[in-house]
């Protein structure tokens, strides 16, 4: 929203339209920072800043007003989010502010936080599994966009930078996960949509002529896959994508149906609901969740034990605060063991004896003479 809104500020000529888009830009930037920290501002601002600079270089000019409005909008968004950081400081003091402002933003980028540290080529190795279903079309779409940028097309320039600049930032960051690239699906979709809209005329004629048959064929494959998945997983929540496919079939068979638009909206809603209820099964979520770990901690604390975190990664300490609504003490192996102390540790190899939980977490008892118990 931030990238689109600011671009429309540059495109529109009417004051009212520009003002609305400028407010949307501030809202998008603020929402990004409130949900993902400073990264929520870095991604759109890196794209927009690069866009202004490159477009000025290509046009051999200096657009002062573009830099001015980008700076003013950023300051407004930062000022609003600063109020939230102030309230955070009042609630949790400097440790919580340090975690939210420094660790979550700069620690992951620099690698000082060990979670998800990967080599620089990580995303290049993962590329064959990324950006589906756009990946087969993406190279052709990128080539078309590059050609049009050479003809001074600013709309294609911002779509290209929307994809390439954040990708390079993620490659440079030490902390890497494939899910981090989720924001880049938007430019992939835009680039591929533009390419499909300008397919050679004979391809468009063929697709237009046989669109209903092609769509029904794809729907048949979808039904077959969903029924197979439902049977193999024995998951009743597969009803959501099946109903969604049924609604799409109804619109396809009778496109002039009065309820086409509501049916399509319902279809998309059901597909989105199905991701976490059917496609990503509950077994997977329960296997990866740390909720059982901290429910066990509550029970142990009722029995008089003290729970501490042994050299915890960021995810563990953050989950402790999320589930227990307070910070657990953090210790190292060199710290003296207190009576009735149990420690939460995370080890992938050479695991000590103890009750195991998701993501290689364990609750272990320690003894001065016998080591791990």
Protein backbone atom coordinates (compact mmCIF):
# COMPACT_ATOMS: atom_id res chain seq x y z
CA UNK A 1 0.00 0.00 0.00
CA UNK A 2 2.84 2.40 0.82
CA UNK A 3 4.58 1.87 -2.53
CA UNK A 4 1.39 2.04 -4.59
CA UNK A 5 0.03 5.09 -2.75
CA UNK A 6 3.23 7.12 -3.12
CA UNK A 7 3.52 6.25 -6.80
CA UNK A 8 -0.05 7.50 -7.30
CA UNK A 9 0.89 10.74 -5.50
CA UNK A 10 3.33 11.27 -8.37
CA UNK A 11 0.82 10.24 -11.05
CA UNK A 12 -2.32 12.13 -9.98
CA UNK A 13 -2.71 15.83 -10.77
CA UNK A 14 -5.77 16.68 -8.64
CA UNK A 15 -4.96 17.91 -5.13
CA UNK A 16 -7.67 15.82 -3.43
CA UNK A 17 -6.50 12.57 -5.06
CA UNK A 18 -2.90 13.33 -4.16
CA UNK A 19 -3.81 14.14 -0.55
CA UNK A 20 -5.74 10.87 -0.12
CA UNK A 21 -2.88 8.84 -1.57
CA UNK A 22 -0.35 10.69 0.59
CA UNK A 23 -2.33 9.79 3.72
CA UNK A 24 -2.50 6.17 2.52
CA UNK A 25 1.27 6.23 2.07
CA UNK A 26 1.75 7.39 5.68
CA UNK A 27 -0.74 4.78 6.93
CA UNK A 28 0.96 1.98 4.98
CA UNK A 29 4.41 2.99 6.22
CA UNK A 30 3.17 3.25 9.82
CA UNK A 31 1.41 -0.10 9.65
CA UNK A 32 4.56 -1.71 8.28
CA UNK A 33 6.66 -0.42 11.18
CA UNK A 34 4.07 -1.39 13.80
CA UNK A 35 3.90 -4.97 12.50
CA UNK A 36 7.49 -5.64 11.36
CA UNK A 37 9.60 -2.97 13.04
CA UNK A 38 11.92 -0.74 11.04
CA UNK A 39 11.97 -3.34 8.26
CA UNK A 40 8.39 -2.30 7.55
CA UNK A 41 9.77 1.10 6.57
CA UNK A 42 13.06 -0.02 5.01
CA UNK A 43 11.43 -2.16 2.32
CA UNK A 44 9.04 0.43 0.82
CA UNK A 45 11.45 3.34 1.34
CA UNK A 46 14.33 1.48 -0.33
CA UNK A 47 12.08 0.81 -3.33
CA UNK A 48 10.73 4.36 -3.52
CA UNK A 49 14.10 5.99 -2.90
CA UNK A 50 15.74 3.86 -5.59
CA UNK A 51 12.87 4.62 -7.95
CA UNK A 52 13.24 8.40 -7.54
CA UNK A 53 17.02 8.31 -7.97
CA UNK A 54 17.03 5.98 -11.01
CA UNK A 55 14.17 7.81 -12.73
CA UNK A 56 16.01 11.13 -12.23
CA UNK A 57 19.20 9.62 -13.67
CA UNK A 58 17.36 8.25 -16.71
CA UNK A 59 15.53 11.55 -17.26
CA UNK A 60 18.70 13.59 -16.46
CA UNK A 61 16.92 15.85 -13.99
CA UNK A 62 16.48 16.45 -10.25
CA UNK A 63 12.90 16.17 -8.91
CA UNK A 64 13.16 17.98 -5.59
CA UNK A 65 9.44 17.72 -4.79
CA UNK A 66 9.56 13.91 -4.98
CA UNK A 67 12.32 13.73 -2.35
CA UNK A 68 10.52 16.35 -0.27
CA UNK A 69 7.20 14.49 -0.10
CA UNK A 70 8.92 11.16 0.52
CA UNK A 71 10.83 12.70 3.43
CA UNK A 72 7.80 14.48 4.92
CA UNK A 73 5.65 11.32 4.71
CA UNK A 74 8.39 9.26 6.35
CA UNK A 75 8.76 11.75 9.21
CA UNK A 76 4.99 11.72 9.83
CA UNK A 77 4.96 7.90 9.93
CA UNK A 78 8.01 7.72 12.23
CA UNK A 79 6.49 10.32 14.59
CA UNK A 80 3.29 8.29 14.95
CA UNK A 81 5.14 5.02 15.53
CA UNK A 82 7.46 6.80 17.98
CA UNK A 83 4.47 7.24 20.30
CA UNK A 84 4.05 3.43 20.33
CA UNK A 85 7.76 2.94 21.18
CA UNK A 86 7.39 5.47 24.00
CA UNK A 87 4.46 3.53 25.45
CA UNK A 88 6.45 0.31 25.06
CA UNK A 89 9.29 1.86 27.07
CA UNK A 90 6.88 2.88 29.82
CA UNK A 91 5.56 -0.69 30.09
CA UNK A 92 8.75 -2.73 29.74
CA UNK A 93 11.60 -0.30 30.30
CA UNK A 94 14.88 -0.25 28.41
CA UNK A 95 15.22 -4.08 28.00
CA UNK A 96 11.93 -4.33 26.09
CA UNK A 97 12.69 -1.22 24.01
CA UNK A 98 16.17 -2.59 23.21
CA UNK A 99 14.66 -5.89 22.04
CA UNK A 100 11.97 -4.28 19.90
CA UNK A 101 14.08 -1.47 18.46
CA UNK A 102 17.59 -2.93 18.21
CA UNK A 103 17.56 -6.73 18.42
CA UNK A 104 14.54 -7.31 16.20
CA UNK A 105 15.74 -4.86 13.54
CA UNK A 106 19.55 -4.84 13.47
CA UNK A 107 20.33 -8.11 15.24
CA UNK A 108 18.76 -10.27 12.56
CA UNK A 109 20.32 -8.29 9.72
CA UNK A 110 23.85 -8.34 11.17
CA UNK A 111 23.75 -11.94 12.38
CA UNK A 112 24.31 -11.11 16.05
CA UNK A 113 21.10 -13.08 16.69
CA UNK A 114 21.76 -16.70 15.76
CA UNK A 115 18.23 -17.53 14.59
CA UNK A 116 18.00 -18.37 10.89
CA UNK A 117 21.56 -17.32 9.98
CA UNK A 118 22.25 -18.59 6.46
CA UNK A 119 24.93 -17.97 3.77
CA UNK A 120 24.41 -15.20 1.18
CA UNK A 121 23.48 -17.67 -1.60
CA UNK A 122 20.60 -19.18 0.43
CA UNK A 123 17.82 -17.57 -1.63
CA UNK A 124 19.49 -18.42 -4.92
CA UNK A 125 19.50 -22.10 -3.93
CA UNK A 126 15.82 -21.78 -2.95
CA UNK A 127 14.79 -19.93 -6.13
CA UNK A 128 13.33 -23.00 -7.91
CA UNK A 129 10.82 -23.35 -5.05
CA UNK A 130 9.96 -19.64 -4.77
CA UNK A 131 7.48 -17.31 -6.46
CA UNK A 132 5.01 -19.96 -7.58
CA UNK A 133 2.77 -19.80 -9.57
CA UNK A 134 4.53 -16.81 -11.18
CA UNK A 135 7.99 -18.38 -11.57
CA UNK A 136 7.58 -19.82 -15.13
CA UNK A 137 6.45 -16.43 -16.47
CA UNK A 138 8.76 -14.26 -14.38
CA UNK A 139 11.90 -14.36 -16.62
CA UNK A 140 9.84 -13.27 -19.66
CA UNK A 141 8.08 -10.60 -17.60
CA UNK A 142 11.41 -9.26 -16.33
CA UNK A 143 12.81 -9.10 -19.87
CA UNK A 144 9.76 -7.17 -21.08
CA UNK A 145 10.00 -4.77 -18.14
CA UNK A 146 13.73 -4.14 -18.76
CA UNK A 147 13.02 -3.35 -22.40
CA UNK A 148 10.28 -0.87 -21.48
CA UNK A 149 12.41 0.78 -18.77
CA UNK A 150 14.92 1.60 -21.50
CA UNK A 151 12.06 3.48 -23.17
CA UNK A 152 11.52 5.53 -19.95
CA UNK A 153 8.48 3.65 -18.61
CA UNK A 154 8.30 4.67 -14.95
CA UNK A 155 5.52 2.18 -14.15
CA UNK A 156 7.74 -0.71 -15.24
CA UNK A 157 10.73 0.80 -13.46
CA UNK A 158 8.98 0.83 -10.08
CA UNK A 159 7.72 -2.75 -10.58
CA UNK A 160 11.27 -3.90 -11.33
CA UNK A 161 12.75 -2.10 -8.34
CA UNK A 162 9.88 -3.37 -6.16
CA UNK A 163 11.19 -6.89 -6.84
CA UNK A 164 14.96 -6.45 -7.15
CA UNK A 165 15.88 -3.96 -4.40
CA UNK A 166 14.24 -5.85 -1.47
CA UNK A 167 15.60 -9.14 -2.87
CA UNK A 168 19.14 -7.75 -2.73
CA UNK A 169 18.55 -6.47 0.82
CA UNK A 170 17.35 -9.91 1.92
CA UNK A 171 20.38 -11.54 0.27
CA UNK A 172 22.70 -9.21 2.24
CA UNK A 173 20.92 -9.86 5.56
CA UNK A 174 22.41 -12.63 7.71
CA UNK A 175 19.02 -13.92 8.94
CA UNK A 176 17.23 -15.68 6.09
CA UNK A 177 13.99 -17.64 5.72
CA UNK A 178 11.97 -18.28 2.58
CA UNK A 179 8.92 -16.69 4.25
CA UNK A 180 10.82 -13.37 4.42
CA UNK A 181 10.35 -13.03 0.65
CA UNK A 182 6.56 -12.96 0.98
CA UNK A 183 6.36 -9.17 0.25
CA UNK A 184 7.97 -9.81 -3.15
CA UNK A 185 5.00 -11.83 -4.40
CA UNK A 186 3.22 -8.53 -5.07
CA UNK A 187 5.73 -7.31 -7.72
CA UNK A 188 5.89 -10.84 -9.17
CA UNK A 189 2.13 -10.79 -9.67
CA UNK A 190 2.23 -7.27 -11.15
CA UNK A 191 5.03 -8.05 -13.60
CA UNK A 192 3.44 -11.31 -14.75
CA UNK A 193 -0.01 -9.71 -15.09
CA UNK A 194 1.50 -6.99 -17.30
CA UNK A 195 3.23 -9.63 -19.41
CA UNK A 196 0.06 -11.70 -19.79
CA UNK A 197 -1.93 -8.62 -20.77
CA UNK A 198 0.45 -8.08 -23.70
CA UNK A 199 0.83 -11.64 -24.98
CA UNK A 200 1.17 -12.07 -28.75
CA UNK A 201 -2.17 -11.74 -30.50
CA UNK A 202 -2.41 -15.39 -31.65
CA UNK A 203 -1.97 -16.65 -28.07
CA UNK A 204 -4.63 -14.24 -26.79
CA UNK A 205 -7.03 -15.35 -29.55
CA UNK A 206 -6.51 -19.03 -28.65
CA UNK A 207 -6.95 -18.43 -24.90
CA UNK A 208 -10.01 -16.25 -25.48
CA UNK A 209 -11.59 -18.80 -27.80
CA UNK A 210 -11.01 -21.78 -25.51
CA UNK A 211 -11.00 -20.05 -22.12
CA UNK A 212 -13.99 -21.96 -20.75
CA UNK A 213 -12.59 -25.34 -21.76
CA UNK A 214 -9.16 -24.49 -20.36
CA UNK A 215 -10.67 -23.25 -17.09
CA UNK A 216 -12.83 -26.36 -16.72
CA UNK A 217 -9.79 -28.55 -17.36
CA UNK A 218 -7.85 -26.71 -14.66
CA UNK A 219 -10.82 -27.02 -12.31
CA UNK A 220 -10.96 -30.76 -12.95
CA UNK A 221 -7.29 -31.03 -11.98
CA UNK A 222 -7.99 -28.92 -8.89
CA UNK A 223 -10.88 -31.14 -7.82
CA UNK A 224 -8.80 -34.30 -8.36
CA UNK A 225 -5.94 -32.89 -6.30
CA UNK A 226 -8.19 -31.69 -3.47
CA UNK A 227 -10.10 -34.97 -3.22
CA UNK A 228 -6.83 -36.91 -3.22
CA UNK A 229 -5.36 -34.66 -0.53
CA UNK A 230 -8.54 -34.91 1.55
CA UNK A 231 -8.49 -38.70 1.33
CA UNK A 232 -4.82 -39.02 2.21
CA UNK A 233 -4.91 -36.54 5.10
CA UNK A 234 -8.35 -37.58 6.43
CA UNK A 235 -8.85 -33.89 7.12
CA UNK A 236 -12.46 -32.71 7.24
CA UNK A 237 -11.36 -29.08 6.81
CA UNK A 238 -10.65 -29.84 3.14
CA UNK A 239 -14.32 -28.88 2.78
CA UNK A 240 -13.23 -25.22 2.52
CA UNK A 241 -11.17 -25.45 -0.70
CA UNK A 242 -13.71 -27.90 -2.17
CA UNK A 243 -16.56 -25.41 -1.63
CA UNK A 244 -14.35 -22.65 -3.06
CA UNK A 245 -13.68 -24.72 -6.16
CA UNK A 246 -17.41 -25.39 -6.45
CA UNK A 247 -18.19 -21.67 -6.40
CA UNK A 248 -15.56 -21.07 -9.08
CA UNK A 249 -17.10 -23.83 -11.20
CA UNK A 250 -20.54 -22.22 -10.91
CA UNK A 251 -19.19 -18.88 -12.12
CA UNK A 252 -17.26 -20.57 -14.95
CA UNK A 253 -20.16 -22.63 -16.27
CA UNK A 254 -22.58 -19.70 -16.15
CA UNK A 255 -20.54 -16.46 -16.26
CA UNK A 256 -23.64 -14.23 -16.62
CA UNK A 257 -24.98 -15.46 -13.29
CA UNK A 258 -26.42 -12.63 -11.17
CA UNK A 259 -24.37 -13.71 -8.16
CA UNK A 260 -21.02 -14.01 -9.98
CA UNK A 261 -19.27 -11.29 -7.99
CA UNK A 262 -20.37 -12.49 -4.51
CA UNK A 263 -19.50 -16.08 -5.49
CA UNK A 264 -16.00 -15.04 -6.58
CA UNK A 265 -15.51 -13.10 -3.34
CA UNK A 266 -16.66 -16.10 -1.32
CA UNK A 267 -14.36 -18.36 -3.32
CA UNK A 268 -11.27 -16.29 -2.51
CA UNK A 269 -12.24 -16.00 1.16
CA UNK A 270 -12.63 -19.79 1.46
CA UNK A 271 -9.32 -20.42 -0.29
CA UNK A 272 -7.53 -18.14 2.17
CA UNK A 273 -9.28 -19.79 5.12
CA UNK A 274 -8.25 -23.20 3.82
CA UNK A 275 -4.51 -22.46 3.96
CA UNK A 276 -4.26 -22.72 7.75
CA UNK A 277 -7.15 -25.11 8.26
CA UNK A 278 -6.70 -27.69 5.52
CA UNK A 279 -3.52 -27.27 3.52
CA UNK A 280 -1.37 -26.49 6.56
CA UNK A 281 -2.70 -29.17 8.87
CA UNK A 282 -3.21 -28.87 12.60
CA UNK A 283 -0.68 -31.60 13.17
CA UNK A 284 2.02 -29.44 11.57
CA UNK A 285 1.08 -26.42 13.69
CA UNK A 286 0.96 -28.43 16.92
CA UNK A 287 4.32 -30.03 16.15
CA UNK A 288 5.99 -26.64 15.67
CA UNK A 289 4.22 -24.69 18.43
CA UNK A 290 5.92 -23.81 21.71
CA UNK A 291 2.61 -23.51 23.55
CA UNK A 292 2.92 -27.02 25.14
CA UNK A 293 6.40 -26.11 26.39
CA UNK A 294 5.21 -23.12 28.39
CA UNK A 295 2.05 -24.85 29.57
CA UNK A 296 4.41 -27.42 31.10
CA UNK A 297 6.39 -24.55 32.65
CA UNK A 298 3.27 -23.23 34.38
CA UNK A 299 2.61 -26.66 35.87
CA UNK A 300 6.22 -27.01 37.06
CA UNK A 301 6.12 -23.56 38.65
CA UNK A 302 3.01 -24.60 40.58
CA UNK A 303 5.09 -27.50 41.92
CA UNK A 304 7.67 -25.05 43.28
CA UNK A 305 10.30 -25.22 40.53
CA UNK A 306 12.07 -22.14 39.15
CA UNK A 307 12.19 -22.03 35.33
CA UNK A 308 15.10 -20.31 33.57
CA UNK A 309 16.22 -20.02 29.94
CA UNK A 310 19.64 -21.45 29.09
CA UNK A 311 21.32 -19.29 26.38
CA UNK A 312 17.98 -18.85 24.62
CA UNK A 313 17.60 -17.81 20.98
CA UNK A 314 15.31 -14.88 20.30
CA UNK A 315 12.34 -17.09 19.41
CA UNK A 316 12.44 -18.86 22.77
CA UNK A 317 12.63 -15.73 24.93
CA UNK A 318 9.95 -14.06 22.80
CA UNK A 319 7.65 -17.07 23.08
CA UNK A 320 8.18 -17.14 26.85
CA UNK A 321 6.93 -13.57 27.14
CA UNK A 322 4.05 -14.25 24.74
CA UNK A 323 2.70 -17.31 26.57
CA UNK A 324 3.60 -16.37 30.16
CA UNK A 325 3.14 -12.59 29.88
CA UNK A 326 6.49 -12.01 31.60
CA UNK A 327 10.20 -12.44 30.94
CA UNK A 328 11.92 -15.58 32.24
CA UNK A 329 15.42 -15.25 33.74
CA UNK A 330 18.23 -16.06 31.29
CA UNK A 331 21.31 -17.99 32.42
CA UNK A 332 24.42 -19.53 30.90
CA UNK A 333 26.04 -22.90 31.55
CA UNK A 334 28.61 -21.23 33.78
CA UNK A 335 25.98 -19.81 36.14
CA UNK A 336 25.56 -21.60 39.44
CA UNK A 337 22.57 -23.92 39.64
CA UNK A 338 19.97 -22.97 42.20
CA UNK A 339 17.88 -25.48 44.21
CA UNK A 340 14.79 -26.74 42.36
CA UNK A 341 15.87 -24.96 39.17
CA UNK A 342 14.82 -26.30 35.78
CA UNK A 343 16.24 -24.90 32.58
CA UNK A 344 14.81 -24.63 29.08
CA UNK A 345 17.47 -25.38 26.48
CA UNK A 346 17.52 -25.84 22.73
CA UNK A 347 19.97 -28.34 21.26
CA UNK A 348 19.87 -30.15 17.92
CA UNK A 349 22.72 -32.53 18.68
CA UNK A 350 24.00 -34.34 21.73
CA UNK A 351 20.74 -33.72 23.52
CA UNK A 352 20.74 -34.14 27.28
CA UNK A 353 18.08 -36.25 28.93
CA UNK A 354 14.89 -34.30 29.42
CA UNK A 355 11.35 -33.80 28.18
CA UNK A 356 11.46 -32.76 24.52
CA UNK A 357 9.25 -30.16 22.85
CA UNK A 358 8.96 -28.52 19.44
CA UNK A 359 11.96 -27.11 17.59
CA UNK A 360 14.49 -29.13 19.66
CA UNK A 361 13.51 -27.49 22.96
CA UNK A 362 13.95 -29.43 26.19
CA UNK A 363 13.26 -28.92 29.88
CA UNK A 364 16.23 -30.28 31.80
CA UNK A 365 17.14 -30.55 35.47
CA UNK A 366 20.68 -29.73 36.45
CA UNK A 367 22.84 -31.06 39.26
CA UNK A 368 26.18 -29.66 40.39
CA UNK A 369 27.73 -33.14 40.66
CA UNK A 370 26.00 -35.11 37.92
CA UNK A 371 25.51 -32.57 35.14
CA UNK A 372 22.36 -33.00 33.07
CA UNK A 373 19.58 -35.19 34.46
